[in-house]
Amino acid sequence: MTNESKSTPAPFQPNDRRGLKRFNAIEILAILLGLGACSIGLIGAIIGIPMILAAIYSAVFIPPKVNRGLYIGKCPHCGAAMSATHYQTEVDCPSCAGDVAVRDSRFIAMPKKTAGHKAA
């Protein structure tokens, strides 16, 4: 069996989105800016309160466009535990530094690159 055909399962584990974990960075920033605007006075409150309500509405009722999380499994080269984020298509094993592709909830061993191709 060649390195190209080795693969291991890497099930996707989505991020927990319960409670305050629902809020992303933009929604948190909108709440903070809304609170800051409210501290200015009546005009600031007229702007700040709708901003805060819109951020809370967005976090609670609008599903995220990207399902964030991790692929967690074992390296197909050496068997060490490893993970990849939802947007990574290739990673290096933290133990053996082998190149690993992430496809269809699997870690797939990539052929070793020669020294001439790895330019720092």
PDB file of N, CA and C in Angstrom:
ATOM      1  N   MET A   1       0.847  -1.186   0.000  1.00  0.00           N
ATOM      2  CA  MET A   1       0.000   0.000   0.000  1.00  0.00           C
ATOM      3  C   MET A   1       0.891   1.248   0.000  1.00  0.00           C
ATOM      4  N   THR A   2       0.643   2.187  -0.897  1.00  0.00           N
ATOM      5  CA  THR A   2       1.449   3.399  -0.976  1.00  0.00           C
ATOM      6  C   THR A   2       0.909   4.448  -0.015  1.00  0.00           C
ATOM      7  N   ASN A   3       1.730   5.461   0.221  1.00  0.00           N
ATOM      8  CA  ASN A   3       1.308   6.539   1.120  1.00  0.00           C
ATOM      9  C   ASN A   3       0.076   7.256   0.605  1.00  0.00           C
ATOM     10  N   GLU A   4      -0.094   7.307  -0.737  1.00  0.00           N
ATOM     11  CA  GLU A   4      -1.206   8.053  -1.312  1.00  0.00           C
ATOM     12  C   GLU A   4      -2.560   7.430  -0.960  1.00  0.00           C
ATOM     13  N   SER A   5      -2.596   6.114  -0.714  1.00  0.00           N
ATOM     14  CA  SER A   5      -3.880   5.474  -0.461  1.00  0.00           C
ATOM     15  C   SER A   5      -4.197   5.343   1.027  1.00  0.00           C
ATOM     16  N   LYS A   6      -3.267   5.687   1.905  1.00  0.00           N
ATOM     17  CA  LYS A   6      -3.545   5.602   3.340  1.00  0.00           C
ATOM     18  C   LYS A   6      -4.478   6.731   3.755  1.00  0.00           C
ATOM     19  N   SER A   7      -5.463   6.394   4.566  1.00  0.00           N
ATOM     20  CA  SER A   7      -6.345   7.428   5.109  1.00  0.00           C
ATOM     21  C   SER A   7      -6.918   6.935   6.435  1.00  0.00           C
ATOM     22  N   THR A   8      -7.327   7.879   7.246  1.00  0.00           N
ATOM     23  CA  THR A   8      -7.947   7.576   8.534  1.00  0.00           C
ATOM     24  C   THR A   8      -9.208   8.416   8.669  1.00  0.00           C
ATOM     25  N   PRO A   9     -10.196   7.923   9.417  1.00  0.00           N
ATOM     26  CA  PRO A   9     -11.409   8.727   9.607  1.00  0.00           C
ATOM     27  C   PRO A   9     -11.119   9.975  10.446  1.00  0.00           C
ATOM     28  N   ALA A  10     -11.766  11.062  10.089  1.00  0.00           N
ATOM     29  CA  ALA A  10     -11.633  12.323  10.819  1.00  0.00           C
ATOM     30  C   ALA A  10     -13.013  12.962  10.902  1.00  0.00           C
ATOM     31  N   PRO A  11     -13.857  12.489  11.807  1.00  0.00           N
ATOM     32  CA  PRO A  11     -15.219  13.031  11.876  1.00  0.00           C
ATOM     33  C   PRO A  11     -15.220  14.517  12.239  1.00  0.00           C
ATOM     34  N   PHE A  12     -16.156  15.235  11.634  1.00  0.00           N
ATOM     35  CA  PHE A  12     -16.299  16.671  11.885  1.00  0.00           C
ATOM     36  C   PHE A  12     -17.049  16.880  13.184  1.00  0.00           C
ATOM     37  N   GLN A  13     -16.505  17.718  14.049  1.00  0.00           N
ATOM     38  CA  GLN A  13     -17.153  18.057  15.312  1.00  0.00           C
ATOM     39  C   GLN A  13     -17.436  19.554  15.314  1.00  0.00           C
ATOM     40  N   PRO A  14     -18.703  19.939  15.103  1.00  0.00           N
ATOM     41  CA  PRO A  14     -19.029  21.368  15.022  1.00  0.00           C
ATOM     42  C   PRO A  14     -18.857  22.063  16.371  1.00  0.00           C
ATOM     43  N   ASN A  15     -18.581  23.363  16.297  1.00  0.00           N
ATOM     44  CA  ASN A  15     -18.472  24.164  17.510  1.00  0.00           C
ATOM     45  C   ASN A  15     -19.804  24.192  18.251  1.00  0.00           C
ATOM     46  N   ASP A  16     -19.720  24.237  19.556  1.00  0.00           N
ATOM     47  CA  ASP A  16     -20.908  24.364  20.399  1.00  0.00           C
ATOM     48  C   ASP A  16     -21.482  25.766  20.223  1.00  0.00           C
ATOM     49  N   ARG A  17     -22.771  25.867  19.981  1.00  0.00           N
ATOM     50  CA  ARG A  17     -23.408  27.174  19.791  1.00  0.00           C
ATOM     51  C   ARG A  17     -24.554  27.378  20.772  1.00  0.00           C
ATOM     52  N   ARG A  18     -24.356  26.974  22.014  1.00  0.00           N
ATOM     53  CA  ARG A  18     -25.393  27.186  23.031  1.00  0.00           C
ATOM     54  C   ARG A  18     -25.037  28.396  23.886  1.00  0.00           C
ATOM     55  N   GLY A  19     -26.056  29.060  24.366  1.00  0.00           N
ATOM     56  CA  GLY A  19     -25.853  30.188  25.284  1.00  0.00           C
ATOM     57  C   GLY A  19     -25.076  31.324  24.643  1.00  0.00           C
ATOM     58  N   LEU A  20     -24.093  31.843  25.362  1.00  0.00           N
ATOM     59  CA  LEU A  20     -23.300  32.968  24.866  1.00  0.00           C
ATOM     60  C   LEU A  20     -22.349  32.565  23.752  1.00  0.00           C
ATOM     61  N   LYS A  21     -22.173  31.282  23.507  1.00  0.00           N
ATOM     62  CA  LYS A  21     -21.295  30.820  22.426  1.00  0.00           C
ATOM     63  C   LYS A  21     -21.917  31.052  21.052  1.00  0.00           C
ATOM     64  N   ARG A  22     -23.170  31.465  21.007  1.00  0.00           N
ATOM     65  CA  ARG A  22     -23.832  31.764  19.737  1.00  0.00           C
ATOM     66  C   ARG A  22     -23.253  33.013  19.076  1.00  0.00           C
ATOM     67  N   PHE A  23     -22.780  33.939  19.863  1.00  0.00           N
ATOM     68  CA  PHE A  23     -22.345  35.238  19.358  1.00  0.00           C
ATOM     69  C   PHE A  23     -20.991  35.131  18.661  1.00  0.00           C
ATOM     70  N   ASN A  24     -20.898  35.706  17.457  1.00  0.00           N
ATOM     71  CA  ASN A  24     -19.597  35.789  16.792  1.00  0.00           C
ATOM     72  C   ASN A  24     -18.991  37.167  17.074  1.00  0.00           C
ATOM     73  N   ALA A  25     -17.817  37.408  16.558  1.00  0.00           N
ATOM     74  CA  ALA A  25     -17.087  38.638  16.868  1.00  0.00           C
ATOM     75  C   ALA A  25     -17.824  39.891  16.397  1.00  0.00           C
ATOM     76  N   ILE A  26     -18.478  39.829  15.251  1.00  0.00           N
ATOM     77  CA  ILE A  26     -19.191  41.006  14.734  1.00  0.00           C
ATOM     78  C   ILE A  26     -20.375  41.348  15.638  1.00  0.00           C
ATOM     79  N   GLU A  27     -21.086  40.337  16.085  1.00  0.00           N
ATOM     80  CA  GLU A  27     -22.242  40.584  16.954  1.00  0.00           C
ATOM     81  C   GLU A  27     -21.804  41.135  18.313  1.00  0.00           C
ATOM     82  N   ILE A  28     -20.708  40.623  18.841  1.00  0.00           N
ATOM     83  CA  ILE A  28     -20.183  41.146  20.107  1.00  0.00           C
ATOM     84  C   ILE A  28     -19.757  42.599  19.932  1.00  0.00           C
ATOM     85  N   LEU A  29     -19.091  42.898  18.824  1.00  0.00           N
ATOM     86  CA  LEU A  29     -18.671  44.275  18.553  1.00  0.00           C
ATOM     87  C   LEU A  29     -19.884  45.199  18.422  1.00  0.00           C
ATOM     88  N   ALA A  30     -20.942  44.738  17.763  1.00  0.00           N
ATOM     89  CA  ALA A  30     -22.148  45.564  17.606  1.00  0.00           C
ATOM     90  C   ALA A  30     -22.786  45.858  18.964  1.00  0.00           C
ATOM     91  N   ILE A  31     -22.787  44.864  19.847  1.00  0.00           N
ATOM     92  CA  ILE A  31     -23.339  45.089  21.190  1.00  0.00           C
ATOM     93  C   ILE A  31     -22.500  46.110  21.946  1.00  0.00           C
ATOM     94  N   LEU A  32     -21.171  45.972  21.876  1.00  0.00           N
ATOM     95  CA  LEU A  32     -20.298  46.925  22.578  1.00  0.00           C
ATOM     96  C   LEU A  32     -20.439  48.338  22.011  1.00  0.00           C
ATOM     97  N   LEU A  33     -20.520  48.460  20.691  1.00  0.00           N
ATOM     98  CA  LEU A  33     -20.711  49.782  20.091  1.00  0.00           C
ATOM     99  C   LEU A  33     -22.075  50.362  20.465  1.00  0.00           C
ATOM    100  N   GLY A  34     -23.098  49.507  20.524  1.00  0.00           N
ATOM    101  CA  GLY A  34     -24.423  49.960  20.940  1.00  0.00           C
ATOM    102  C   GLY A  34     -24.418  50.447  22.379  1.00  0.00           C
ATOM    103  N   LEU A  35     -23.730  49.721  23.258  1.00  0.00           N
ATOM    104  CA  LEU A  35     -23.626  50.161  24.648  1.00  0.00           C
ATOM    105  C   LEU A  35     -22.867  51.477  24.752  1.00  0.00           C
ATOM    106  N   GLY A  36     -21.811  51.601  23.953  1.00  0.00           N
ATOM    107  CA  GLY A  36     -21.057  52.864  23.937  1.00  0.00           C
ATOM    108  C   GLY A  36     -21.906  54.021  23.452  1.00  0.00           C
ATOM    109  N   ALA A  37     -22.690  53.777  22.427  1.00  0.00           N
ATOM    110  CA  ALA A  37     -23.576  54.830  21.906  1.00  0.00           C
ATOM    111  C   ALA A  37     -24.622  55.214  22.948  1.00  0.00           C
ATOM    112  N   CYS A  38     -25.140  54.221  23.680  1.00  0.00           N
ATOM    113  CA  CYS A  38     -26.152  54.511  24.713  1.00  0.00           C
ATOM    114  C   CYS A  38     -25.591  55.388  25.834  1.00  0.00           C
ATOM    115  N   SER A  39     -24.289  55.284  26.060  1.00  0.00           N
ATOM    116  CA  SER A  39     -23.702  56.081  27.142  1.00  0.00           C
ATOM    117  C   SER A  39     -23.564  57.556  26.775  1.00  0.00           C
ATOM    118  N   ILE A  40     -23.726  57.903  25.521  1.00  0.00           N
ATOM    119  CA  ILE A  40     -23.597  59.292  25.090  1.00  0.00           C
ATOM    120  C   ILE A  40     -24.811  60.115  25.507  1.00  0.00           C
ATOM    121  N   GLY A  41     -25.984  59.509  25.464  1.00  0.00           N
ATOM    122  CA  GLY A  41     -27.196  60.246  25.817  1.00  0.00           C
ATOM    123  C   GLY A  41     -28.370  59.744  25.003  1.00  0.00           C
ATOM    124  N   LEU A  42     -29.408  60.578  24.905  1.00  0.00           N
ATOM    125  CA  LEU A  42     -30.644  60.183  24.238  1.00  0.00           C
ATOM    126  C   LEU A  42     -30.421  59.860  22.757  1.00  0.00           C
ATOM    127  N   ILE A  43     -29.672  60.690  22.045  1.00  0.00           N
ATOM    128  CA  ILE A  43     -29.410  60.435  20.615  1.00  0.00           C
ATOM    129  C   ILE A  43     -28.626  59.121  20.475  1.00  0.00           C
ATOM    130  N   GLY A  44     -27.664  58.902  21.327  1.00  0.00           N
ATOM    131  CA  GLY A  44     -26.892  57.660  21.289  1.00  0.00           C
ATOM    132  C   GLY A  44     -27.755  56.449  21.585  1.00  0.00           C
ATOM    133  N   ALA A  45     -28.705  56.598  22.505  1.00  0.00           N
ATOM    134  CA  ALA A  45     -29.609  55.491  22.837  1.00  0.00           C
ATOM    135  C   ALA A  45     -30.516  55.167  21.657  1.00  0.00           C
ATOM    136  N   ILE A  46     -30.916  56.191  20.915  1.00  0.00           N
ATOM    137  CA  ILE A  46     -31.767  55.968  19.735  1.00  0.00           C
ATOM    138  C   ILE A  46     -31.017  55.134  18.695  1.00  0.00           C
ATOM    139  N   ILE A  47     -29.721  55.303  18.614  1.00  0.00           N
ATOM    140  CA  ILE A  47     -28.899  54.518  17.686  1.00  0.00           C
ATOM    141  C   ILE A  47     -28.458  53.202  18.332  1.00  0.00           C
ATOM    142  N   GLY A  48     -28.066  53.243  19.594  1.00  0.00           N
ATOM    143  CA  GLY A  48     -27.463  52.088  20.269  1.00  0.00           C
ATOM    144  C   GLY A  48     -28.420  50.952  20.560  1.00  0.00           C
ATOM    145  N   ILE A  49     -29.637  51.258  21.004  1.00  0.00           N
ATOM    146  CA  ILE A  49     -30.580  50.193  21.368  1.00  0.00           C
ATOM    147  C   ILE A  49     -30.957  49.335  20.154  1.00  0.00           C
ATOM    148  N   PRO A  50     -31.294  49.917  18.995  1.00  0.00           N
ATOM    149  CA  PRO A  50     -31.554  49.055  17.838  1.00  0.00           C
ATOM    150  C   PRO A  50     -30.332  48.230  17.412  1.00  0.00           C
ATOM    151  N   MET A  51     -29.141  48.805  17.585  1.00  0.00           N
ATOM    152  CA  MET A  51     -27.921  48.076  17.244  1.00  0.00           C
ATOM    153  C   MET A  51     -27.758  46.842  18.139  1.00  0.00           C
ATOM    154  N   ILE A  52     -28.006  47.007  19.428  1.00  0.00           N
ATOM    155  CA  ILE A  52     -27.911  45.895  20.379  1.00  0.00           C
ATOM    156  C   ILE A  52     -28.966  44.837  20.058  1.00  0.00           C
ATOM    157  N   LEU A  53     -30.201  45.268  19.815  1.00  0.00           N
ATOM    158  CA  LEU A  53     -31.276  44.325  19.504  1.00  0.00           C
ATOM    159  C   LEU A  53     -31.007  43.572  18.200  1.00  0.00           C
ATOM    160  N   ALA A  54     -30.464  44.253  17.196  1.00  0.00           N
ATOM    161  CA  ALA A  54     -30.142  43.588  15.934  1.00  0.00           C
ATOM    162  C   ALA A  54     -29.048  42.534  16.124  1.00  0.00           C
ATOM    163  N   ALA A  55     -28.054  42.828  16.945  1.00  0.00           N
ATOM    164  CA  ALA A  55     -26.982  41.859  17.204  1.00  0.00           C
ATOM    165  C   ALA A  55     -27.520  40.634  17.936  1.00  0.00           C
ATOM    166  N   ILE A  56     -28.386  40.844  18.900  1.00  0.00           N
ATOM    167  CA  ILE A  56     -28.966  39.714  19.638  1.00  0.00           C
ATOM    168  C   ILE A  56     -29.865  38.900  18.712  1.00  0.00           C
ATOM    169  N   TYR A  57     -30.663  39.560  17.890  1.00  0.00           N
ATOM    170  CA  TYR A  57     -31.518  38.863  16.926  1.00  0.00           C
ATOM    171  C   TYR A  57     -30.675  38.020  15.971  1.00  0.00           C
ATOM    172  N   SER A  58     -29.597  38.594  15.491  1.00  0.00           N
ATOM    173  CA  SER A  58     -28.711  37.887  14.562  1.00  0.00           C
ATOM    174  C   SER A  58     -28.120  36.635  15.206  1.00  0.00           C
ATOM    175  N   ALA A  59     -27.695  36.722  16.446  1.00  0.00           N
ATOM    176  CA  ALA A  59     -27.082  35.580  17.127  1.00  0.00           C
ATOM    177  C   ALA A  59     -28.092  34.471  17.409  1.00  0.00           C
ATOM    178  N   VAL A  60     -29.306  34.842  17.738  1.00  0.00           N
ATOM    179  CA  VAL A  60     -30.294  33.848  18.164  1.00  0.00           C
ATOM    180  C   VAL A  60     -31.065  33.246  16.990  1.00  0.00           C
ATOM    181  N   PHE A  61     -31.438  34.055  16.009  1.00  0.00           N
ATOM    182  CA  PHE A  61     -32.358  33.587  14.982  1.00  0.00           C
ATOM    183  C   PHE A  61     -31.747  33.337  13.602  1.00  0.00           C
ATOM    184  N   ILE A  62     -30.571  33.843  13.321  1.00  0.00           N
ATOM    185  CA  ILE A  62     -29.977  33.672  12.000  1.00  0.00           C
ATOM    186  C   ILE A  62     -28.869  32.619  12.091  1.00  0.00           C
ATOM    187  N   PRO A  63     -29.016  31.490  11.383  1.00  0.00           N
ATOM    188  CA  PRO A  63     -27.986  30.449  11.454  1.00  0.00           C
ATOM    189  C   PRO A  63     -26.700  30.908  10.760  1.00  0.00           C
ATOM    190  N   PRO A  64     -25.549  30.418  11.222  1.00  0.00           N
ATOM    191  CA  PRO A  64     -24.293  30.823  10.591  1.00  0.00           C
ATOM    192  C   PRO A  64     -24.180  30.266   9.168  1.00  0.00           C
ATOM    193  N   LYS A  65     -23.510  31.008   8.302  1.00  0.00           N
ATOM    194  CA  LYS A  65     -23.326  30.559   6.919  1.00  0.00           C
ATOM    195  C   LYS A  65     -22.243  29.496   6.816  1.00  0.00           C
ATOM    196  N   VAL A  66     -21.307  29.491   7.754  1.00  0.00           N
ATOM    197  CA  VAL A  66     -20.205  28.532   7.758  1.00  0.00           C
ATOM    198  C   VAL A  66     -20.321  27.693   9.017  1.00  0.00           C
ATOM    199  N   ASN A  67     -20.336  26.377   8.842  1.00  0.00           N
ATOM    200  CA  ASN A  67     -20.394  25.476   9.986  1.00  0.00           C
ATOM    201  C   ASN A  67     -18.988  25.304  10.541  1.00  0.00           C
ATOM    202  N   ARG A  68     -18.665  26.060  11.578  1.00  0.00           N
ATOM    203  CA  ARG A  68     -17.316  26.042  12.145  1.00  0.00           C
ATOM    204  C   ARG A  68     -17.144  24.839  13.053  1.00  0.00           C
ATOM    205  N   GLY A  69     -15.918  24.326  13.074  1.00  0.00           N
ATOM    206  CA  GLY A  69     -15.610  23.198  13.933  1.00  0.00           C
ATOM    207  C   GLY A  69     -14.267  22.595  13.584  1.00  0.00           C
ATOM    208  N   LEU A  70     -14.035  21.370  14.048  1.00  0.00           N
ATOM    209  CA  LEU A  70     -12.766  20.676  13.847  1.00  0.00           C
ATOM    210  C   LEU A  70     -12.977  19.288  13.268  1.00  0.00           C
ATOM    211  N   TYR A  71     -12.034  18.882  12.439  1.00  0.00           N
ATOM    212  CA  TYR A  71     -11.908  17.486  12.040  1.00  0.00           C
ATOM    213  C   TYR A  71     -10.876  16.886  12.991  1.00  0.00           C
ATOM    214  N   ILE A  72     -11.242  15.850  13.712  1.00  0.00           N
ATOM    215  CA  ILE A  72     -10.339  15.253  14.701  1.00  0.00           C
ATOM    216  C   ILE A  72     -10.155  13.784  14.367  1.00  0.00           C
ATOM    217  N   GLY A  73      -8.897  13.370  14.298  1.00  0.00           N
ATOM    218  CA  GLY A  73      -8.598  11.974  13.987  1.00  0.00           C
ATOM    219  C   GLY A  73      -7.129  11.665  14.230  1.00  0.00           C
ATOM    220  N   LYS A  74      -6.627  10.660  13.515  1.00  0.00           N
ATOM    221  CA  LYS A  74      -5.234  10.226  13.659  1.00  0.00           C
ATOM    222  C   LYS A  74      -4.500  10.410  12.338  1.00  0.00           C
ATOM    223  N   CYS A  75      -3.224  10.700  12.436  1.00  0.00           N
ATOM    224  CA  CYS A  75      -2.384  10.887  11.259  1.00  0.00           C
ATOM    225  C   CYS A  75      -2.278   9.570  10.493  1.00  0.00           C
ATOM    226  N   PRO A  76      -2.500   9.586   9.177  1.00  0.00           N
ATOM    227  CA  PRO A  76      -2.373   8.360   8.403  1.00  0.00           C
ATOM    228  C   PRO A  76      -0.916   7.910   8.232  1.00  0.00           C
ATOM    229  N   HIS A  77       0.048   8.809   8.505  1.00  0.00           N
ATOM    230  CA  HIS A  77       1.465   8.452   8.403  1.00  0.00           C
ATOM    231  C   HIS A  77       1.950   7.726   9.656  1.00  0.00           C
ATOM    232  N   CYS A  78       1.692   8.336  10.845  1.00  0.00           N
ATOM    233  CA  CYS A  78       2.287   7.805  12.083  1.00  0.00           C
ATOM    234  C   CYS A  78       1.267   7.395  13.141  1.00  0.00           C
ATOM    235  N   GLY A  79       0.001   7.757  12.971  1.00  0.00           N
ATOM    236  CA  GLY A  79      -1.028   7.379  13.938  1.00  0.00           C
ATOM    237  C   GLY A  79      -1.187   8.331  15.108  1.00  0.00           C
ATOM    238  N   ALA A  80      -0.473   9.460  15.105  1.00  0.00           N
ATOM    239  CA  ALA A  80      -0.589  10.433  16.196  1.00  0.00           C
ATOM    240  C   ALA A  80      -1.914  11.192  16.085  1.00  0.00           C
ATOM    241  N   ALA A  81      -2.431  11.650  17.218  1.00  0.00           N
ATOM    242  CA  ALA A  81      -3.663  12.442  17.234  1.00  0.00           C
ATOM    243  C   ALA A  81      -3.407  13.785  16.564  1.00  0.00           C
ATOM    244  N   MET A  82      -4.378  14.216  15.738  1.00  0.00           N
ATOM    245  CA  MET A  82      -4.253  15.505  15.068  1.00  0.00           C
ATOM    246  C   MET A  82      -5.632  16.067  14.767  1.00  0.00           C
ATOM    247  N   SER A  83      -5.666  17.334  14.413  1.00  0.00           N
ATOM    248  CA  SER A  83      -6.935  17.980  14.090  1.00  0.00           C
ATOM    249  C   SER A  83      -6.716  19.008  12.986  1.00  0.00           C
ATOM    250  N   ALA A  84      -7.804  19.387  12.340  1.00  0.00           N
ATOM    251  CA  ALA A  84      -7.783  20.426  11.310  1.00  0.00           C
ATOM    252  C   ALA A  84      -9.051  21.253  11.469  1.00  0.00           C
ATOM    253  N   THR A  85      -8.958  22.538  11.215  1.00  0.00           N
ATOM    254  CA  THR A  85     -10.132  23.400  11.323  1.00  0.00           C
ATOM    255  C   THR A  85     -11.023  23.226  10.102  1.00  0.00           C
ATOM    256  N   HIS A  86     -12.208  23.787  10.164  1.00  0.00           N
ATOM    257  CA  HIS A  86     -13.211  23.612   9.119  1.00  0.00           C
ATOM    258  C   HIS A  86     -12.774  24.133   7.756  1.00  0.00           C
ATOM    259  N   TYR A  87     -11.827  25.051   7.690  1.00  0.00           N
ATOM    260  CA  TYR A  87     -11.436  25.650   6.419  1.00  0.00           C
ATOM    261  C   TYR A  87     -10.144  25.084   5.843  1.00  0.00           C
ATOM    262  N   GLN A  88      -9.440  24.217   6.574  1.00  0.00           N
ATOM    263  CA  GLN A  88      -8.174  23.688   6.090  1.00  0.00           C
ATOM    264  C   GLN A  88      -8.394  22.503   5.147  1.00  0.00           C
ATOM    265  N   THR A  89      -7.652  22.479   4.054  1.00  0.00           N
ATOM    266  CA  THR A  89      -7.709  21.348   3.128  1.00  0.00           C
ATOM    267  C   THR A  89      -6.444  20.496   3.204  1.00  0.00           C
ATOM    268  N   GLU A  90      -5.358  21.074   3.714  1.00  0.00           N
ATOM    269  CA  GLU A  90      -4.115  20.340   3.937  1.00  0.00           C
ATOM    270  C   GLU A  90      -3.503  20.809   5.240  1.00  0.00           C
ATOM    271  N   VAL A  91      -2.933  19.853   5.993  1.00  0.00           N
ATOM    272  CA  VAL A  91      -2.264  20.165   7.260  1.00  0.00           C
ATOM    273  C   VAL A  91      -0.991  19.333   7.350  1.00  0.00           C
ATOM    274  N   ASP A  92      -0.114  19.731   8.270  1.00  0.00           N
ATOM    275  CA  ASP A  92       1.074  18.953   8.587  1.00  0.00           C
ATOM    276  C   ASP A  92       0.839  18.258   9.910  1.00  0.00           C
ATOM    277  N   CYS A  93       1.258  16.997  10.015  1.00  0.00           N
ATOM    278  CA  CYS A  93       1.128  16.273  11.273  1.00  0.00           C
ATOM    279  C   CYS A  93       2.046  16.912  12.310  1.00  0.00           C
ATOM    280  N   PRO A  94       1.568  17.171  13.522  1.00  0.00           N
ATOM    281  CA  PRO A  94       2.417  17.781  14.538  1.00  0.00           C
ATOM    282  C   PRO A  94       3.520  16.843  15.034  1.00  0.00           C
ATOM    283  N   SER A  95       3.372  15.533  14.827  1.00  0.00           N
ATOM    284  CA  SER A  95       4.378  14.577  15.303  1.00  0.00           C
ATOM    285  C   SER A  95       5.432  14.254  14.252  1.00  0.00           C
ATOM    286  N   CYS A  96       4.992  13.851  13.059  1.00  0.00           N
ATOM    287  CA  CYS A  96       5.945  13.399  12.040  1.00  0.00           C
ATOM    288  C   CYS A  96       6.160  14.411  10.923  1.00  0.00           C
ATOM    289  N   ALA A  97       5.428  15.510  10.926  1.00  0.00           N
ATOM    290  CA  ALA A  97       5.501  16.563   9.905  1.00  0.00           C
ATOM    291  C   ALA A  97       5.099  16.065   8.522  1.00  0.00           C
ATOM    292  N   GLY A  98       4.378  14.956   8.461  1.00  0.00           N
ATOM    293  CA  GLY A  98       3.888  14.448   7.181  1.00  0.00           C
ATOM    294  C   GLY A  98       2.749  15.311   6.661  1.00  0.00           C
ATOM    295  N   ASP A  99       2.656  15.421   5.348  1.00  0.00           N
ATOM    296  CA  ASP A  99       1.582  16.201   4.727  1.00  0.00           C
ATOM    297  C   ASP A  99       0.308  15.367   4.682  1.00  0.00           C
ATOM    298  N   VAL A 100      -0.801  15.974   5.106  1.00  0.00           N
ATOM    299  CA  VAL A 100      -2.077  15.274   5.194  1.00  0.00           C
ATOM    300  C   VAL A 100      -3.157  16.146   4.561  1.00  0.00           C
ATOM    301  N   ALA A 101      -3.951  15.554   3.673  1.00  0.00           N
ATOM    302  CA  ALA A 101      -5.083  16.253   3.054  1.00  0.00           C
ATOM    303  C   ALA A 101      -6.339  15.960   3.871  1.00  0.00           C
ATOM    304  N   VAL A 102      -7.257  16.917   3.906  1.00  0.00           N
ATOM    305  CA  VAL A 102      -8.532  16.752   4.610  1.00  0.00           C
ATOM    306  C   VAL A 102      -9.636  16.748   3.561  1.00  0.00           C
ATOM    307  N   ARG A 103     -10.277  15.578   3.375  1.00  0.00           N
ATOM    308  CA  ARG A 103     -11.350  15.464   2.382  1.00  0.00           C
ATOM    309  C   ARG A 103     -12.404  14.485   2.867  1.00  0.00           C
ATOM    310  N   ASP A 104     -13.645  14.854   2.737  1.00  0.00           N
ATOM    311  CA  ASP A 104     -14.776  13.970   3.043  1.00  0.00           C
ATOM    312  C   ASP A 104     -14.658  13.325   4.419  1.00  0.00           C
ATOM    313  N   SER A 105     -14.357  14.125   5.440  1.00  0.00           N
ATOM    314  CA  SER A 105     -14.216  13.663   6.832  1.00  0.00           C
ATOM    315  C   SER A 105     -13.181  12.554   6.975  1.00  0.00           C
ATOM    316  N   ARG A 106     -12.089  12.684   6.218  1.00  0.00           N
ATOM    317  CA  ARG A 106     -10.978  11.733   6.309  1.00  0.00           C
ATOM    318  C   ARG A 106      -9.663  12.502   6.219  1.00  0.00           C
ATOM    319  N   PHE A 107      -8.639  11.974   6.899  1.00  0.00           N
ATOM    320  CA  PHE A 107      -7.271  12.460   6.737  1.00  0.00           C
ATOM    321  C   PHE A 107      -6.599  11.521   5.752  1.00  0.00           C
ATOM    322  N   ILE A 108      -6.084  12.070   4.660  1.00  0.00           N
ATOM    323  CA  ILE A 108      -5.482  11.278   3.587  1.00  0.00           C
ATOM    324  C   ILE A 108      -3.996  11.603   3.513  1.00  0.00           C
ATOM    325  N   ALA A 109      -3.152  10.569   3.554  1.00  0.00           N
ATOM    326  CA  ALA A 109      -1.706  10.758   3.490  1.00  0.00           C
ATOM    327  C   ALA A 109      -1.312  11.297   2.122  1.00  0.00           C
ATOM    328  N   MET A 110      -0.510  12.346   2.138  1.00  0.00           N
ATOM    329  CA  MET A 110       0.019  12.918   0.899  1.00  0.00           C
ATOM    330  C   MET A 110       1.446  12.405   0.737  1.00  0.00           C
ATOM    331  N   PRO A 111       1.919  12.258  -0.498  1.00  0.00           N
ATOM    332  CA  PRO A 111       3.300  11.803  -0.680  1.00  0.00           C
ATOM    333  C   PRO A 111       4.279  12.826  -0.115  1.00  0.00           C
ATOM    334  N   LYS A 112       5.390  12.317   0.379  1.00  0.00           N
ATOM    335  CA  LYS A 112       6.423  13.201   0.937  1.00  0.00           C
ATOM    336  C   LYS A 112       6.987  14.082  -0.171  1.00  0.00           C
ATOM    337  N   LYS A 113       7.186  15.355   0.159  1.00  0.00           N
ATOM    338  CA  LYS A 113       7.775  16.282  -0.804  1.00  0.00           C
ATOM    339  C   LYS A 113       9.292  16.135  -0.748  1.00  0.00           C
ATOM    340  N   THR A 114       9.919  16.301  -1.877  1.00  0.00           N
ATOM    341  CA  THR A 114      11.372  16.209  -1.894  1.00  0.00           C
ATOM    342  C   THR A 114      11.962  17.500  -1.361  1.00  0.00           C
ATOM    343  N   ALA A 115      13.216  17.448  -0.963  1.00  0.00           N
ATOM    344  CA  ALA A 115      13.883  18.616  -0.359  1.00  0.00           C
ATOM    345  C   ALA A 115      13.915  19.798  -1.319  1.00  0.00           C
ATOM    346  N   GLY A 116      13.963  19.564  -2.634  1.00  0.00           N
ATOM    347  CA  GLY A 116      14.014  20.649  -3.608  1.00  0.00           C
ATOM    348  C   GLY A 116      12.725  21.429  -3.684  1.00  0.00           C
ATOM    349  N   HIS A 117      11.583  20.784  -3.363  1.00  0.00           N
ATOM    350  CA  HIS A 117      10.290  21.460  -3.465  1.00  0.00           C
ATOM    351  C   HIS A 117       9.932  22.245  -2.206  1.00  0.00           C
ATOM    352  N   LYS A 118      10.525  21.933  -1.086  1.00  0.00           N
ATOM    353  CA  LYS A 118      10.196  22.642   0.161  1.00  0.00           C
ATOM    354  C   LYS A 118      11.108  23.844   0.322  1.00  0.00           C
ATOM    355  N   ALA A 119      10.684  24.935  -0.217  1.00  0.00           N
ATOM    356  CA  ALA A 119      11.452  26.177  -0.068  1.00  0.00           C
ATOM    357  C   ALA A 119      10.944  26.914   1.150  1.00  0.00           C
ATOM    358  N   ALA A 120      11.857  27.386   1.985  1.00  0.00           N
ATOM    359  CA  ALA A 120      11.469  28.094   3.201  1.00  0.00           C
ATOM    360  C   ALA A 120      11.041  29.452   2.791  1.00  0.00           C
TER     361      ALA A 120
END
